[in-house]
Protein backbone atom coordinates (compact mmCIF):
# COMPACT_ATOMS: atom_id res chain seq x y z
CA UNK A 1 0.28 -0.09 -0.08
CA UNK A 2 2.82 2.66 0.99
CA UNK A 3 4.52 1.57 -2.77
CA UNK A 4 1.44 2.47 -4.21
CA UNK A 5 0.54 5.55 -2.57
CA UNK A 6 4.14 7.09 -3.33
CA UNK A 7 3.99 5.80 -6.73
CA UNK A 8 0.37 7.66 -7.41
CA UNK A 9 2.08 10.60 -6.17
CA UNK A 10 4.88 10.58 -8.88
CA UNK A 11 2.09 10.40 -11.77
CA UNK A 12 1.32 13.91 -10.59
CA UNK A 13 4.28 15.56 -10.36
CA UNK A 14 5.03 16.01 -14.28
CA UNK A 15 1.48 17.77 -14.41
CA UNK A 16 2.35 20.01 -11.17
CA UNK A 17 5.49 20.95 -12.38
CA UNK A 18 3.93 22.27 -15.45
CA UNK A 19 1.16 24.23 -13.82
CA UNK A 20 3.81 25.58 -11.44
CA UNK A 21 5.82 26.47 -14.55
CA UNK A 22 3.10 27.73 -16.99
CA UNK A 23 0.75 29.28 -14.40
CA UNK A 24 1.93 30.17 -10.51
CA UNK A 25 5.10 31.21 -11.69
CA UNK A 26 4.14 33.81 -14.27
CA UNK A 27 1.66 34.23 -12.41
CA UNK A 28 3.73 35.35 -8.94
CA UNK A 29 6.15 37.44 -11.36
CA UNK A 30 3.20 39.69 -12.73
CA UNK A 31 1.68 40.31 -9.18
CA UNK A 32 5.27 41.44 -8.71
CA UNK A 33 5.90 43.47 -11.59
CA UNK A 34 2.52 45.33 -10.64
CA UNK A 35 4.22 46.93 -8.38
CA UNK A 36 7.05 48.71 -10.30
CA UNK A 37 8.68 50.52 -13.47
CA UNK A 38 9.64 47.88 -15.49
CA UNK A 39 11.79 48.13 -19.27
CA UNK A 40 13.19 44.54 -20.41
CA UNK A 41 16.46 45.03 -18.84
CA UNK A 42 15.43 46.92 -15.42
CA UNK A 43 13.10 47.57 -13.05
CA UNK A 44 11.83 50.14 -9.83
CA UNK A 45 10.01 49.48 -7.02
CA UNK A 46 7.19 52.19 -7.27
CA UNK A 47 4.23 50.45 -4.83
CA UNK A 48 0.48 51.72 -5.73
CA UNK A 49 1.47 54.14 -8.75
CA UNK A 50 0.53 51.89 -11.31
CA UNK A 51 -2.99 50.92 -10.21
CA UNK A 52 -3.82 54.55 -9.30
CA UNK A 53 -2.54 55.44 -12.72
CA UNK A 54 -4.71 52.18 -13.99
CA UNK A 55 -8.01 53.52 -11.92
CA UNK A 56 -7.26 57.35 -13.50
CA UNK A 57 -7.42 56.17 -17.32
CA UNK A 58 -9.93 58.16 -18.72
CA UNK A 59 -12.25 55.13 -20.73
CA UNK A 60 -11.56 52.51 -18.04
CA UNK A 61 -15.45 53.08 -17.18
CA UNK A 62 -16.45 52.85 -20.54
CA UNK A 63 -14.22 50.12 -20.73
CA UNK A 64 -15.58 48.02 -17.64
CA UNK A 65 -19.16 49.00 -18.44
CA UNK A 66 -18.64 47.67 -22.17
CA UNK A 67 -16.38 43.74 -20.59
CA UNK A 68 -19.71 43.85 -18.56
CA UNK A 69 -22.08 44.20 -21.30
CA UNK A 70 -19.96 41.86 -23.54
CA UNK A 71 -19.39 39.25 -20.98
CA UNK A 72 -23.35 38.74 -20.19
CA UNK A 73 -24.81 38.94 -23.54
CA UNK A 74 -22.86 36.92 -25.64
CA UNK A 75 -23.09 34.34 -22.43
CA UNK A 76 -26.68 34.45 -22.22
CA UNK A 77 -27.08 34.30 -26.03
CA UNK A 78 -24.37 31.29 -26.50
CA UNK A 79 -26.66 29.51 -23.93
CA UNK A 80 -30.25 29.81 -25.83
CA UNK A 81 -28.62 29.38 -29.09
CA UNK A 82 -26.39 26.61 -27.73
CA UNK A 83 -29.50 24.73 -26.68
CA UNK A 84 -31.64 25.28 -29.25
CA UNK A 85 -29.22 24.41 -31.34
CA UNK A 86 -28.67 21.16 -28.97
CA UNK A 87 -31.85 19.88 -29.20
CA UNK A 88 -32.23 20.12 -33.24
CA UNK A 89 -29.02 18.39 -33.66
CA UNK A 90 -29.73 15.58 -30.86
CA UNK A 91 -33.36 14.70 -33.07
CA UNK A 92 -33.54 12.62 -35.77
CA UNK A 93 -33.41 14.85 -38.47
CA UNK A 94 -31.83 13.93 -41.70
CA UNK A 95 -29.42 16.76 -41.66
CA UNK A 96 -28.22 16.72 -38.36
CA UNK A 97 -23.64 15.91 -39.63
CA UNK A 98 -24.37 19.04 -42.09
CA UNK A 99 -25.52 21.22 -39.55
CA UNK A 100 -23.29 20.20 -36.90
CA UNK A 101 -20.31 20.50 -39.15
CA UNK A 102 -22.18 24.12 -39.97
CA UNK A 103 -22.02 25.25 -36.70
CA UNK A 104 -18.58 23.97 -35.38
CA UNK A 105 -16.89 25.57 -38.49
CA UNK A 106 -16.15 28.85 -37.45
CA UNK A 107 -14.43 27.59 -33.74
CA UNK A 108 -11.87 26.26 -36.31
CA UNK A 109 -10.99 29.63 -38.14
CA UNK A 110 -8.91 32.14 -36.26
CA UNK A 111 -10.22 34.81 -34.50
CA UNK A 112 -8.47 37.38 -36.11
CA UNK A 113 -9.31 36.34 -39.55
CA UNK A 114 -13.12 36.27 -38.00
CA UNK A 115 -12.66 39.69 -37.37
CA UNK A 116 -10.99 41.34 -40.25
CA UNK A 117 -14.02 38.97 -42.35
CA UNK A 118 -16.38 41.01 -40.57
CA UNK A 119 -14.98 44.30 -40.75
CA UNK A 120 -15.34 44.11 -44.23
CA UNK A 121 -18.93 42.36 -44.35
CA UNK A 122 -20.49 45.48 -42.34
CA UNK A 123 -18.40 48.21 -43.90
CA UNK A 124 -21.64 50.67 -44.06
CA UNK A 125 -22.01 51.13 -47.68
CA UNK A 126 -20.10 48.46 -49.72
CA UNK A 127 -20.53 45.30 -46.51
CA UNK A 128 -22.20 42.26 -48.14
CA UNK A 129 -24.67 42.58 -44.92
CA UNK A 130 -25.75 46.21 -45.88
CA UNK A 131 -26.05 45.51 -49.41
CA UNK A 132 -28.68 42.02 -48.81
CA UNK A 133 -30.80 44.52 -46.35
CA UNK A 134 -31.30 47.25 -49.38
CA UNK A 135 -32.15 44.29 -51.15
CA UNK A 136 -35.38 43.67 -49.22
CA UNK A 137 -35.57 47.56 -48.95
CA UNK A 138 -34.11 48.20 -45.93
CA UNK A 139 -31.19 50.88 -44.40
CA UNK A 140 -28.72 48.89 -42.49
CA UNK A 141 -26.54 50.72 -40.51
CA UNK A 142 -23.17 52.08 -39.56
CA UNK A 143 -22.64 48.29 -37.43
CA UNK A 144 -18.98 48.88 -36.54
CA UNK A 145 -18.83 52.92 -36.85
CA UNK A 146 -21.72 53.86 -34.67
CA UNK A 147 -20.62 54.14 -30.72
CA UNK A 148 -23.81 52.96 -29.60
CA UNK A 149 -23.84 49.85 -32.34
CA UNK A 150 -19.97 48.70 -32.47
CA UNK A 151 -19.59 46.50 -29.29
CA UNK A 152 -23.23 45.14 -29.90
CA UNK A 153 -22.22 43.62 -33.10
CA UNK A 154 -18.94 42.87 -32.53
CA UNK A 155 -21.01 40.73 -29.14
CA UNK A 156 -23.51 39.67 -32.17
CA UNK A 157 -19.76 37.95 -34.17
CA UNK A 158 -18.21 36.61 -31.04
CA UNK A 159 -21.52 34.38 -30.49
CA UNK A 160 -21.88 33.78 -34.13
CA UNK A 161 -17.71 31.91 -33.74
CA UNK A 162 -18.31 30.73 -30.17
CA UNK A 163 -21.90 29.08 -30.34
CA UNK A 164 -20.50 25.70 -31.86
CA UNK A 165 -18.42 25.27 -28.93
CA UNK A 166 -21.59 25.78 -26.35
CA UNK A 167 -23.30 23.55 -29.08
CA UNK A 168 -20.75 20.64 -28.46
CA UNK A 169 -20.86 20.53 -24.72
CA UNK A 170 -24.48 20.87 -24.47
CA UNK A 171 -24.89 17.71 -27.23
CA UNK A 172 -22.80 15.50 -24.59
CA UNK A 173 -24.71 17.20 -21.34
CA UNK A 174 -28.34 16.08 -23.22
CA UNK A 175 -26.87 12.70 -24.61
CA UNK A 176 -25.99 11.78 -21.66
CA UNK A 177 -29.60 11.64 -20.05
CA UNK A 178 -30.73 8.15 -19.42
CA UNK A 179 -33.35 7.26 -21.94
CA UNK A 180 -35.35 5.71 -19.18
CA UNK A 181 -36.77 9.51 -18.54
CA UNK A 182 -38.22 9.92 -21.92
CA UNK A 183 -39.92 6.34 -21.55
CA UNK A 184 -41.35 7.08 -18.67
CA UNK A 185 -42.22 10.47 -19.46
CA UNK A 186 -44.20 9.21 -22.76
CA UNK A 187 -45.66 6.26 -21.34
CA UNK A 188 -47.30 8.83 -18.53
CA UNK A 189 -48.33 10.85 -21.76
CA UNK A 190 -46.17 13.56 -21.82
CA UNK A 191 -45.45 15.62 -24.93
CA UNK A 192 -41.99 16.34 -26.17
CA UNK A 193 -42.51 20.25 -25.23
CA UNK A 194 -43.28 18.81 -21.21
CA UNK A 195 -40.42 16.33 -21.71
CA UNK A 196 -37.90 19.37 -22.75
CA UNK A 197 -38.92 21.47 -19.67
CA UNK A 198 -39.05 19.36 -16.97
CA UNK A 199 -36.21 16.27 -18.16
CA UNK A 200 -33.98 17.73 -21.17
CA UNK A 201 -33.53 21.09 -19.08
CA UNK A 202 -33.03 20.38 -15.63
CA UNK A 203 -30.52 17.26 -16.00
CA UNK A 204 -28.48 19.93 -18.58
CA UNK A 205 -27.99 21.85 -16.28
CA UNK A 206 -24.17 21.02 -15.26
CA UNK A 207 -23.68 21.58 -19.41
CA UNK A 208 -24.83 24.58 -19.18
CA UNK A 209 -23.67 25.93 -16.15
CA UNK A 210 -20.15 24.58 -18.12
CA UNK A 211 -20.84 26.72 -21.03
CA UNK A 212 -22.08 29.47 -18.56
CA UNK A 213 -18.65 29.79 -16.95
CA UNK A 214 -16.52 29.58 -20.02
CA UNK A 215 -18.35 32.15 -22.24
CA UNK A 216 -18.40 34.47 -19.17
CA UNK A 217 -14.31 33.93 -18.51
CA UNK A 218 -13.80 34.36 -22.55
CA UNK A 219 -16.03 37.60 -22.79
CA UNK A 220 -14.33 39.25 -19.35
CA UNK A 221 -10.90 38.58 -21.01
CA UNK A 222 -11.73 39.26 -24.83
CA UNK A 223 -9.70 41.62 -26.75
CA UNK A 224 -8.48 39.92 -30.51
CA UNK A 225 -11.69 40.26 -31.86
CA UNK A 226 -12.56 43.82 -30.10
CA UNK A 227 -8.78 44.66 -32.06
CA UNK A 228 -9.38 43.45 -35.23
CA UNK A 229 -12.69 45.05 -36.07
CA UNK A 230 -12.36 48.09 -34.58
CA UNK A 231 -9.35 48.63 -32.17
CA UNK A 232 -11.74 49.53 -29.78
CA UNK A 233 -13.18 52.67 -31.47
CA UNK A 234 -15.11 54.70 -32.75
CA UNK A 235 -12.94 56.67 -29.95
CA UNK A 236 -13.41 54.54 -26.85
CA UNK A 237 -16.76 53.54 -27.28
CA UNK A 238 -16.13 49.59 -27.97
CA UNK A 239 -13.09 49.26 -25.70
CA UNK A 240 -13.03 46.39 -23.25
CA UNK A 241 -10.47 46.46 -19.96
CA UNK A 242 -8.12 44.32 -21.92
CA UNK A 243 -7.79 46.51 -25.47
CA UNK A 244 -7.29 49.05 -22.58
CA UNK A 245 -4.34 47.13 -20.98
CA UNK A 246 -3.15 46.54 -24.25
CA UNK A 247 -3.04 50.01 -25.47
CA UNK A 248 -0.92 50.75 -22.44
CA UNK A 249 1.25 48.12 -23.66
CA UNK A 250 1.24 49.91 -26.96
CA UNK A 251 2.70 52.98 -25.60
CA UNK A 252 5.45 51.42 -23.43
CA UNK A 253 3.94 51.23 -19.88
CA UNK A 254 4.88 48.13 -19.27
CA UNK A 255 4.23 48.08 -15.58
CA UNK A 256 0.81 49.64 -16.13
CA UNK A 257 -0.36 46.96 -18.40
CA UNK A 258 0.65 44.68 -16.01
CA UNK A 259 -1.11 46.47 -13.07
CA UNK A 260 -4.15 46.42 -15.27
CA UNK A 261 -4.04 42.54 -16.00
CA UNK A 262 -3.65 41.90 -12.13
CA UNK A 263 -6.72 43.51 -11.74
CA UNK A 264 -8.62 42.15 -14.61
CA UNK A 265 -7.45 38.67 -12.99
CA UNK A 266 -8.97 39.60 -9.90
CA UNK A 267 -12.00 41.12 -11.57
CA UNK A 268 -12.78 37.14 -13.29
CA UNK A 269 -11.91 35.44 -10.65
CA UNK A 270 -14.51 37.83 -8.18
CA UNK A 271 -17.40 37.69 -10.76
CA UNK A 272 -17.05 34.07 -11.97
CA UNK A 273 -16.35 32.33 -8.41
CA UNK A 274 -19.47 33.36 -7.01
CA UNK A 275 -21.47 32.89 -10.02
CA UNK A 276 -20.06 29.09 -10.28
CA UNK A 277 -20.85 28.46 -6.81
CA UNK A 278 -24.77 29.36 -7.20
CA UNK A 279 -24.92 27.65 -10.18
CA UNK A 280 -23.43 24.31 -8.96
CA UNK A 281 -25.57 23.78 -6.20
CA UNK A 282 -28.46 23.98 -7.91
CA UNK A 283 -27.12 21.06 -10.52
CA UNK A 284 -29.33 17.88 -10.69
CA UNK A 285 -27.53 14.67 -9.74
CA UNK A 286 -28.42 11.76 -12.60
């Protein structure tokens, strides 16, 4: 028994080393350098000055508001659309394999490529989206040039790209539900709608919770899609916290951007952990 116990500990050493080197060590270094003014060759301890400067950033409140809107909107839409698609794709329709491929395809495409493509598609005069709307007599908006619309346009593109992952997770959750429940429900005279509300949805909660948490984390940390489509513009109207941090890094304020990353890490943890505890306490065990 003693030999087996020691042997089991050795099995986790490689994973533990990778975790320490790729997560714990960089995290500790980031926390340290957030209190410094640093370059690639030297550093100077300045205490909380970086954090004070970051909170004085003019566009911070816009970025904070946009980040919350973006995360909540994309997570909500991915869950709703993902559930709808998952229900369709576990049914007996003949084209479900083709639909599965179509839904998952955007996940495989580079985010930067998606951003550049939709930047062209959403062009106010030459974009395919507005030209298509013109054919049915609708004047399309300036999707990315309107300060009140840009962040929502980017959010819709993010949902288009990420809903495939959500759908796959939800399909796996729904297919793990024992068929006995549906058979008993059918014998009792229940309808398909009732089966969805009283069997599929409650017993899919672990998968739904996973999608919510992953989508929230991704939404709170999003940077690449926003940068590819608008660069945070027009003005600061579509800036997220991550894009504000990148702009500071571009300007050479490395310590300031590191402090921003630390604050973003804390923000994500403070938002996601309570939601995780709230969601998991209501999960239904099969």
